[in-house]
C-alpha atoms as a PDB file:
ATOM      1  CA  MET A   1      -5.526  -6.661 -14.744  1.00  0.00           C
ATOM      2  CA  SER A   2      -2.815  -4.331 -14.272  1.00  0.00           C
ATOM      3  CA  ASN A   3       0.453  -4.712 -11.764  1.00  0.00           C
ATOM      4  CA  ILE A   4      -0.784  -1.458 -10.915  1.00  0.00           C
ATOM      5  CA  ASP A   5      -4.219  -1.699 -10.231  1.00  0.00           C
ATOM      6  CA  SER A   6      -3.404  -5.766  -8.448  1.00  0.00           C
ATOM      7  CA  ASP A   7      -1.235  -3.143  -6.251  1.00  0.00           C
ATOM      8  CA  ALA A   8      -3.882  -0.832  -5.709  1.00  0.00           C
ATOM      9  CA  ARG A   9      -6.692  -3.508  -4.325  1.00  0.00           C
ATOM     10  CA  ARG A  10      -3.969  -5.014  -2.385  1.00  0.00           C
ATOM     11  CA  GLY A  11      -3.436  -1.429  -0.055  1.00  0.00           C
ATOM     12  CA  GLY A  12      -1.110   1.418   0.383  1.00  0.00           C
ATOM     13  CA  SER A  13       1.823   0.042   2.606  1.00  0.00           C
ATOM     14  CA  ASP A  14       1.875  -3.599   0.001  1.00  0.00           C
ATOM     15  CA  MET A  15       1.695  -0.604  -2.876  1.00  0.00           C
ATOM     16  CA  ARG A  16       4.708   1.465  -1.537  1.00  0.00           C
ATOM     17  CA  SER A  17       6.847  -1.607  -0.631  1.00  0.00           C
ATOM     18  CA  SER A  18       6.741  -2.143  -5.134  1.00  0.00           C
ATOM     19  CA  ALA A  19       7.260   0.812  -5.512  1.00  0.00           C
ATOM     20  CA  SER A  20      10.786   0.787  -3.689  1.00  0.00           C
ATOM     21  CA  SER A  21      10.496  -2.611  -5.484  1.00  0.00           C
ATOM     22  CA  ASP A  22      10.715  -1.934  -8.717  1.00  0.00           C
ATOM     23  CA  LYS A  23      12.681   1.623  -9.074  1.00  0.00           C
ATOM     24  CA  ALA A  24      15.822  -1.006  -7.007  1.00  0.00           C
ATOM     25  CA  HIS A  25      15.207  -3.533  -9.850  1.00  0.00           C
ATOM     26  CA  GLY A  26      15.004  -0.523 -12.202  1.00  0.00           C
ATOM     27  CA  ARG A  27      18.005   1.069 -11.377  1.00  0.00           C
ATOM     28  CA  ALA A  28      19.827  -2.525 -11.053  1.00  0.00           C
ATOM     29  CA  LYS A  29      18.517  -2.789 -15.002  1.00  0.00           C
ATOM     30  CA  GLU A  30      19.260   0.740 -15.958  1.00  0.00           C
ATOM     31  CA  LEU A  31      22.973   0.268 -14.860  1.00  0.00           C
ATOM     32  CA  VAL A  32      23.129  -3.655 -16.268  1.00  0.00           C
ATOM     33  CA  GLY A  33      21.777  -2.353 -19.979  1.00  0.00           C
ATOM     34  CA  LYS A  34      24.252   0.317 -19.512  1.00  0.00           C
ATOM     35  CA  VAL A  35      27.093  -1.476 -18.855  1.00  0.00           C
ATOM     36  CA  LYS A  36      26.710  -3.839 -21.595  1.00  0.00           C
ATOM     37  CA  ALA A  37      26.017  -1.306 -24.280  1.00  0.00           C
ATOM     38  CA  LYS A  38      29.551   0.513 -23.468  1.00  0.00           C
ATOM     39  CA  VAL A  39      30.912  -2.855 -23.624  1.00  0.00           C
ATOM     40  CA  GLY A  40      29.415  -4.017 -27.030  1.00  0.00           C
ATOM     41  CA  LYS A  41      30.327  -0.479 -28.207  1.00  0.00           C
ATOM     42  CA  VAL A  42      33.999  -1.275 -27.550  1.00  0.00           C
ATOM     43  CA  ILE A  43      33.820  -4.240 -28.871  1.00  0.00           C
ATOM     44  CA  GLY A  44      32.177  -3.702 -31.313  1.00  0.00           C
ATOM     45  CA  ASP A  45      29.474  -5.948 -31.016  1.00  0.00           C
ATOM     46  CA  LYS A  46      26.193  -4.293 -32.703  1.00  0.00           C
ATOM     47  CA  GLU A  47      23.572  -6.799 -31.279  1.00  0.00           C
ATOM     48  CA  LEU A  48      25.351  -6.820 -27.280  1.00  0.00           C
ATOM     49  CA  GLN A  49      25.208  -2.955 -27.284  1.00  0.00           C
ATOM     50  CA  ALA A  50      21.643  -3.246 -29.078  1.00  0.00           C
ATOM     51  CA  ARG A  51      21.042  -5.895 -25.607  1.00  0.00           C
ATOM     52  CA  GLY A  52      22.017  -3.599 -23.424  1.00  0.00           C
ATOM     53  CA  GLU A  53      20.103  -0.292 -25.067  1.00  0.00           C
ATOM     54  CA  ALA A  54      16.748  -2.088 -24.369  1.00  0.00           C
ATOM     55  CA  GLN A  55      17.866  -3.815 -20.926  1.00  0.00           C
ATOM     56  CA  ARG A  56      18.444   0.259 -19.806  1.00  0.00           C
ATOM     57  CA  PHE A  57      14.798   1.398 -21.713  1.00  0.00           C
ATOM     58  CA  ASP A  58      13.179  -1.720 -19.681  1.00  0.00           C
ATOM     59  CA  GLY A  59      15.003  -0.895 -16.362  1.00  0.00           C
ATOM     60  CA  LYS A  60      13.864   3.466 -16.875  1.00  0.00           C
ATOM     61  CA  VAL A  61      10.682   1.798 -17.863  1.00  0.00           C
ATOM     62  CA  GLU A  62      10.155  -0.162 -14.243  1.00  0.00           C
ATOM     63  CA  ARG A  63      12.012   2.636 -12.086  1.00  0.00           C
ATOM     64  CA  LEU A  64       9.601   5.256 -13.368  1.00  0.00           C
ATOM     65  CA  LYS A  65       6.264   2.694 -13.058  1.00  0.00           C
ATOM     66  CA  GLY A  66       8.215   2.572  -9.480  1.00  0.00           C
ATOM     67  CA  GLU A  67       8.485   6.766  -8.964  1.00  0.00           C
ATOM     68  CA  VAL A  68       3.967   6.605 -10.428  1.00  0.00           C
ATOM     69  CA  LYS A  69       3.036   4.577  -7.673  1.00  0.00           C
ATOM     70  CA  GLU A  70       4.965   6.387  -4.515  1.00  0.00           C
ATOM     71  CA  LYS A  71       3.498   9.707  -6.573  1.00  0.00           C
ATOM     72  CA  ILE A  72      -0.224   7.986  -6.179  1.00  0.00           C
ATOM     73  CA  GLU A  73       0.122   6.624  -2.525  1.00  0.00           C
ATOM     74  CA  ASP A  74       1.706  10.314  -1.511  1.00  0.00           C
ATOM     75  CA  ALA A  75      -1.302  11.750  -3.108  1.00  0.00           C
ATOM     76  CA  LYS A  76      -4.049   8.560  -1.521  1.00  0.00           C
ATOM     77  CA  ASP A  77      -2.337   9.713   2.208  1.00  0.00           C
ATOM     78  CA  LEU A  78      -2.856  13.494   1.344  1.00  0.00           C
ATOM     79  CA  VAL A  79      -7.092  12.222   0.804  1.00  0.00           C
ATOM     80  CA  LYS A  80      -6.895  11.261   3.670  1.00  0.00           C
ATOM     81  CA  SER A  81      -6.104  13.669   5.802  1.00  0.00           C
ATOM     82  CA  GLY A  82      -7.629  15.654   4.100  1.00  0.00           C
ATOM     83  CA  ALA A  83     -11.081  14.212   4.591  1.00  0.00           C
ATOM     84  CA  GLN A  84      -9.676  13.517   8.529  1.00  0.00           C
ATOM     85  CA  ALA A  85      -9.246  17.393   8.385  1.00  0.00           C
ATOM     86  CA  VAL A  86     -12.462  18.109   7.469  1.00  0.00           C
ATOM     87  CA  LYS A  87     -14.736  15.401   9.810  1.00  0.00           C
ATOM     88  CA  ASP A  88     -12.320  17.204  12.446  1.00  0.00           C
ATOM     89  CA  LYS A  89     -14.000  20.500  12.044  1.00  0.00           C
ATOM     90  CA  VAL A  90     -17.635  19.275  11.032  1.00  0.00           C
ATOM     91  CA  ALA A  91     -16.928  17.641  14.684  1.00  0.00           C
ATOM     92  CA  ASP A  92     -15.700  20.427  16.391  1.00  0.00           C
ATOM     93  CA  LEU A  93     -18.772  22.345  14.306  1.00  0.00           C
ATOM     94  CA  ARG A  94     -21.214  20.162  16.014  1.00  0.00           C
ATOM     95  CA  ASP A  95     -20.399  20.254  19.642  1.00  0.00           C
ATOM     96  CA  ARG A  96     -19.753  23.996  19.013  1.00  0.00           C
ATOM     97  CA  ASP A  97     -22.982  24.213  18.207  1.00  0.00           C
ATOM     98  CA  ARG A  98     -24.875  21.911  20.825  1.00  0.00           C
ATOM     99  CA  HIS A  99     -22.943  23.660  23.483  1.00  0.00           C
ATOM    100  CA  HIS A 100     -24.776  26.626  22.390  1.00  0.00           C
END
């Protein structure tokens, strides 16, 4: 089971927290990777430069994963509010029919 699947099973607030955490960790990895890559380039250490680029890429993936989780939660909230609006409208129509 993927992390996203397990996060979805835990519920919305946990997934939002997980999304924020993924984004923060991803940004940090991107920054550290960028610094390593620059230092590697400046000192001529191709291995350090490559490790930095790889870390930067991993950080970007983690940050984007967090952004996707956040968008999923936003979509779930939108669907829930839409469903509630439909329920409310149906209830209003039933009440109106009962009184006529």
